[in-house]
């Protein structure tokens, strides 16, 4: 009976090791190869303990067309993840689960048209999010909910035409907002009020003809505003300049108009 118990225990351990190895080797090929290179091990030799060593993973320009659930499993100490300049069309919901220490995430320069509502859930330490140069047209309600430490959000070169009131809520620490090179025609009056710590508001190269009066009111932390290359007429330009003059007497406001 004792021999049978030992044999079963040994078999269970062998199965556990086999499943773990298969889990690493079965990841998207580019992910698996990068992990193997970083750890200097063959994929079947990589353990959960090995994965904990990694804090940075650069998967940019790898020709990745698709990511699978589990590709980043076990990388709980990862702080930087770069997925930009690939051929991704979508991201599976839950792909970033467990990356609770992630500080920098870039998925820009891909062919992504939409994002799942809960794609960034759990990324509470995220500081920088790069979503530029894709094909995004709208932000799902609550997409950024819980990103309390996010300071930089880059949405340049997408296909946005408007933003609803509260659409970017969930980022109270935001300091830098990049929205240039979209087709934004209208902004709600409380658009910037969601960001009490905002320092940079870059809105140039859009299709804005007017800004809601009071857009910059009480924005005491603003130091840099870009509004150039929009469609403001002379009257609206004059009104905007007067409003900007009252943003804050202590800030050095640079306005590109």
Protein backbone atom coordinates (compact mmCIF):
# COMPACT_ATOMS: atom_id res chain seq x y z
CA UNK A 1 0.00 0.00 0.00
CA UNK A 2 2.89 2.32 0.91
CA UNK A 3 4.59 1.63 -2.43
CA UNK A 4 1.35 2.39 -4.29
CA UNK A 5 0.98 5.71 -2.41
CA UNK A 6 4.56 6.73 -3.25
CA UNK A 7 4.04 5.78 -6.89
CA UNK A 8 0.86 7.81 -7.12
CA UNK A 9 2.58 10.79 -5.49
CA UNK A 10 5.46 10.52 -7.94
CA UNK A 11 3.05 10.28 -10.86
CA UNK A 12 1.20 13.39 -9.64
CA UNK A 13 4.47 15.34 -9.43
CA UNK A 14 5.46 14.24 -12.92
CA UNK A 15 2.08 15.31 -14.31
CA UNK A 16 2.40 18.69 -12.58
CA UNK A 17 5.81 19.29 -14.14
CA UNK A 18 4.56 18.19 -17.56
CA UNK A 19 1.55 20.53 -17.41
CA UNK A 20 3.76 23.44 -16.34
CA UNK A 21 6.23 22.83 -19.17
CA UNK A 22 3.45 22.51 -21.72
CA UNK A 23 1.97 25.76 -20.43
CA UNK A 24 5.16 27.66 -21.27
CA UNK A 25 5.78 26.00 -24.62
CA UNK A 26 2.17 26.37 -25.71
CA UNK A 27 2.19 30.16 -25.46
CA UNK A 28 2.09 32.30 -28.59
CA UNK A 29 5.36 31.51 -30.37
CA UNK A 30 6.79 35.04 -30.17
CA UNK A 31 5.97 35.27 -26.46
CA UNK A 32 7.45 31.87 -25.75
CA UNK A 33 10.64 32.67 -27.69
CA UNK A 34 11.12 36.00 -25.93
CA UNK A 35 10.68 34.39 -22.53
CA UNK A 36 13.17 31.67 -23.42
CA UNK A 37 15.67 34.28 -24.63
CA UNK A 38 15.28 36.46 -21.54
CA UNK A 39 15.69 33.50 -19.18
CA UNK A 40 18.30 31.71 -21.28
CA UNK A 41 16.39 28.45 -21.05
CA UNK A 42 14.40 26.21 -23.36
CA UNK A 43 10.64 26.66 -22.95
CA UNK A 44 10.21 23.20 -21.40
CA UNK A 45 12.75 24.10 -18.70
CA UNK A 46 11.11 27.34 -17.59
CA UNK A 47 9.39 27.17 -14.21
CA UNK A 48 6.98 29.48 -12.38
CA UNK A 49 9.90 30.58 -10.23
CA UNK A 50 11.85 31.60 -13.34
CA UNK A 51 8.99 33.77 -14.54
CA UNK A 52 8.99 35.72 -11.28
CA UNK A 53 12.46 37.07 -12.13
CA UNK A 54 11.18 39.07 -15.12
CA UNK A 55 10.26 42.74 -14.68
CA UNK A 56 10.41 43.85 -18.35
CA UNK A 57 9.14 42.21 -21.53
CA UNK A 58 9.58 43.81 -24.94
CA UNK A 59 7.45 42.17 -27.62
CA UNK A 60 7.40 45.14 -30.00
CA UNK A 61 7.75 44.57 -33.75
CA UNK A 62 7.56 40.78 -33.48
CA UNK A 63 4.87 40.28 -36.11
CA UNK A 64 2.35 39.08 -33.52
CA UNK A 65 -1.12 38.64 -35.03
CA UNK A 66 -2.86 37.13 -32.02
CA UNK A 67 -2.36 36.70 -28.30
CA UNK A 68 -3.86 33.87 -26.29
CA UNK A 69 -5.11 33.67 -22.72
CA UNK A 70 -2.26 32.58 -20.49
CA UNK A 71 0.50 34.20 -22.55
CA UNK A 72 1.48 36.34 -19.56
CA UNK A 73 0.50 33.92 -16.80
CA UNK A 74 2.98 33.82 -13.94
CA UNK A 75 4.63 37.14 -14.82
CA UNK A 76 3.36 38.73 -11.61
CA UNK A 77 6.48 40.88 -11.13
CA UNK A 78 6.33 42.38 -14.60
CA UNK A 79 6.57 46.19 -14.54
CA UNK A 80 6.97 47.01 -18.25
CA UNK A 81 5.18 45.36 -21.20
CA UNK A 82 5.62 46.59 -24.75
CA UNK A 83 3.34 45.15 -27.46
CA UNK A 84 3.50 48.01 -29.95
CA UNK A 85 4.11 47.80 -33.68
CA UNK A 86 2.61 44.36 -34.21
CA UNK A 87 -0.37 43.09 -36.24
CA UNK A 88 -2.86 42.65 -33.43
CA UNK A 89 -6.55 43.18 -34.24
CA UNK A 90 -7.92 42.49 -30.77
CA UNK A 91 -6.92 41.54 -27.26
CA UNK A 92 -8.67 38.72 -25.38
CA UNK A 93 -10.40 39.83 -22.18
CA UNK A 94 -8.27 38.84 -19.20
CA UNK A 95 -4.99 38.80 -21.13
CA UNK A 96 -3.40 41.08 -18.49
CA UNK A 97 -4.82 39.27 -15.46
CA UNK A 98 -2.28 38.91 -12.67
CA UNK A 99 0.02 41.71 -13.84
CA UNK A 100 -0.63 43.68 -10.67
CA UNK A 101 2.78 45.38 -10.65
CA UNK A 102 2.62 46.60 -14.25
CA UNK A 103 3.71 50.23 -14.47
CA UNK A 104 4.07 50.76 -18.24
CA UNK A 105 1.90 49.23 -20.97
CA UNK A 106 2.06 49.97 -24.68
CA UNK A 107 -0.23 48.35 -27.26
CA UNK A 108 -0.02 51.16 -29.81
CA UNK A 109 0.80 50.85 -33.52
CA UNK A 110 -1.55 47.89 -33.99
CA UNK A 111 -4.79 47.34 -35.95
CA UNK A 112 -7.05 47.25 -32.89
CA UNK A 113 -10.50 48.79 -33.49
CA UNK A 114 -12.02 48.23 -30.05
CA UNK A 115 -11.08 47.21 -26.53
CA UNK A 116 -12.95 44.96 -24.12
CA UNK A 117 -14.48 46.88 -21.23
CA UNK A 118 -12.54 44.97 -18.55
CA UNK A 119 -9.24 44.62 -20.42
CA UNK A 120 -7.32 46.78 -17.92
CA UNK A 121 -9.00 45.45 -14.77
CA UNK A 122 -6.55 44.88 -11.93
CA UNK A 123 -3.75 47.06 -13.33
CA UNK A 124 -3.87 49.29 -10.27
CA UNK A 125 -0.20 50.29 -10.44
CA UNK A 126 -0.27 51.34 -14.10
CA UNK A 127 1.39 54.73 -14.61
CA UNK A 128 1.72 55.00 -18.41
CA UNK A 129 -0.72 53.66 -21.03
CA UNK A 130 0.13 54.01 -24.73
CA UNK A 131 -2.83 53.42 -27.07
CA UNK A 132 -1.69 55.57 -29.98
CA UNK A 133 -1.79 54.86 -33.71
CA UNK A 134 -4.58 52.30 -33.77
CA UNK A 135 -8.15 52.42 -35.10
CA UNK A 136 -10.11 53.19 -31.95
CA UNK A 137 -13.37 55.11 -32.42
CA UNK A 138 -14.82 55.03 -28.92
CA UNK A 139 -14.02 54.19 -25.33
CA UNK A 140 -16.21 51.58 -23.60
CA UNK A 141 -17.78 52.94 -20.42
CA UNK A 142 -15.57 52.07 -17.47
CA UNK A 143 -12.55 51.07 -19.56
CA UNK A 144 -10.18 53.01 -17.31
CA UNK A 145 -12.03 52.36 -14.04
CA UNK A 146 -9.58 51.46 -11.30
CA UNK A 147 -6.50 52.98 -12.94
CA UNK A 148 -6.03 55.27 -9.95
CA UNK A 149 -2.27 55.67 -10.49
CA UNK A 150 -2.34 56.38 -14.23
CA UNK A 151 -0.45 59.60 -15.01
CA UNK A 152 0.03 59.44 -18.79
CA UNK A 153 -2.60 58.41 -21.39
CA UNK A 154 -1.71 58.53 -25.07
CA UNK A 155 -4.58 58.27 -27.58
CA UNK A 156 -2.92 60.03 -30.54
CA UNK A 157 -3.59 58.98 -34.14
CA UNK A 158 -6.87 57.13 -33.62
CA UNK A 159 -10.36 57.74 -35.07
CA UNK A 160 -12.18 59.49 -32.24
CA UNK A 161 -14.78 62.06 -33.29
CA UNK A 162 -16.28 62.88 -29.89
CA UNK A 163 -16.15 62.05 -26.21
CA UNK A 164 -19.10 61.71 -23.86
CA UNK A 165 -19.20 63.23 -20.40
CA UNK A 166 -17.29 60.98 -18.02
CA UNK A 167 -15.99 58.69 -20.76
CA UNK A 168 -12.43 58.76 -19.43
CA UNK A 169 -13.33 58.47 -15.76
CA UNK A 170 -11.29 56.33 -13.39
CA UNK A 171 -7.98 58.19 -13.75
CA UNK A 172 -7.86 60.80 -10.94
CA UNK A 173 -4.04 60.97 -11.03
CA UNK A 174 -3.80 61.73 -14.76
CA UNK A 175 -1.21 64.42 -15.55
CA UNK A 176 -0.62 64.05 -19.31
CA UNK A 177 -3.38 63.54 -21.89
CA UNK A 178 -2.46 63.16 -25.56
CA UNK A 179 -5.37 63.35 -28.04
CA UNK A 180 -3.69 64.86 -31.10
CA UNK A 181 -4.33 63.68 -34.66
CA UNK A 182 -7.87 62.42 -34.22
CA UNK A 183 -11.10 63.83 -35.69
CA UNK A 184 -12.65 65.16 -32.50
CA UNK A 185 -15.41 67.68 -33.27
CA UNK A 186 -16.87 68.26 -29.82
CA UNK A 187 -15.94 68.02 -26.14
CA UNK A 188 -18.28 68.04 -23.11
CA UNK A 189 -17.86 71.00 -20.75
CA UNK A 190 -16.69 68.75 -17.90
CA UNK A 191 -14.23 66.82 -20.06
CA UNK A 192 -11.13 67.99 -18.17
CA UNK A 193 -12.77 68.22 -14.75
CA UNK A 194 -12.25 64.50 -14.29
CA UNK A 195 -8.51 65.10 -14.07
CA UNK A 196 -7.79 67.38 -11.09
CA UNK A 197 -4.02 66.90 -11.46
CA UNK A 198 -3.83 67.41 -15.25
CA UNK A 199 -0.70 69.28 -16.42
CA UNK A 200 -0.67 68.66 -20.18
CA UNK A 201 -3.75 68.73 -22.44
CA UNK A 202 -2.71 68.11 -26.05
CA UNK A 203 -5.72 68.50 -28.37
CA UNK A 204 -4.12 69.80 -31.56
CA UNK A 205 -4.77 68.39 -35.06
CA UNK A 206 -8.45 67.61 -34.56
CA UNK A 207 -11.69 69.02 -36.06
CA UNK A 208 -12.75 71.28 -33.19
CA UNK A 209 -14.65 74.43 -34.23
CA UNK A 210 -15.37 75.55 -30.70
CA UNK A 211 -14.68 74.64 -27.10
CA UNK A 212 -17.35 74.70 -24.40
CA UNK A 213 -17.02 77.85 -22.25
CA UNK A 214 -15.43 76.99 -18.94
CA UNK A 215 -13.53 73.97 -20.25
CA UNK A 216 -10.34 75.18 -18.56
CA UNK A 217 -11.97 76.79 -15.52
CA UNK A 218 -10.44 75.83 -12.18
CA UNK A 219 -7.74 73.72 -13.87
CA UNK A 220 -5.03 75.01 -11.56
CA UNK A 221 -2.39 72.41 -12.44
CA UNK A 222 -2.36 72.97 -16.23
CA UNK A 223 1.04 74.03 -17.57
CA UNK A 224 0.87 73.08 -21.25
CA UNK A 225 -2.06 73.18 -23.69
CA UNK A 226 -1.93 72.45 -27.41
CA UNK A 227 -4.90 73.44 -29.56
CA UNK A 228 -3.32 74.17 -32.91
CA UNK A 229 -4.42 72.81 -36.30
CA UNK A 230 -8.14 72.75 -35.42
CA UNK A 231 -11.00 74.68 -37.13
CA UNK A 232 -11.55 77.61 -34.79
CA UNK A 233 -12.69 80.88 -36.39
CA UNK A 234 -11.18 84.21 -35.32
CA UNK A 235 -13.94 84.94 -32.79
CA UNK A 236 -13.60 81.57 -31.08
CA UNK A 237 -9.81 81.87 -31.01
CA UNK A 238 -10.08 85.20 -29.23
CA UNK A 239 -12.54 83.80 -26.69
CA UNK A 240 -10.31 80.78 -26.01
CA UNK A 241 -7.25 82.97 -25.49
CA UNK A 242 -9.13 85.11 -22.97
CA UNK A 243 -10.29 82.04 -21.09
CA UNK A 244 -6.80 80.58 -21.03
CA UNK A 245 -5.51 83.80 -19.55
CA UNK A 246 -7.44 82.98 -16.42
CA UNK A 247 -6.40 79.36 -16.01
CA UNK A 248 -3.94 80.05 -13.21
CA UNK A 249 -1.63 83.01 -12.53
CA UNK A 250 1.23 80.77 -11.44
CA UNK A 251 1.32 78.39 -14.40
CA UNK A 252 3.43 78.84 -17.51
CA UNK A 253 0.78 78.00 -20.08
CA UNK A 254 2.11 77.28 -23.53
CA UNK A 255 -0.70 77.34 -26.04
CA UNK A 256 -0.18 76.26 -29.63
CA UNK A 257 -2.87 78.19 -31.53
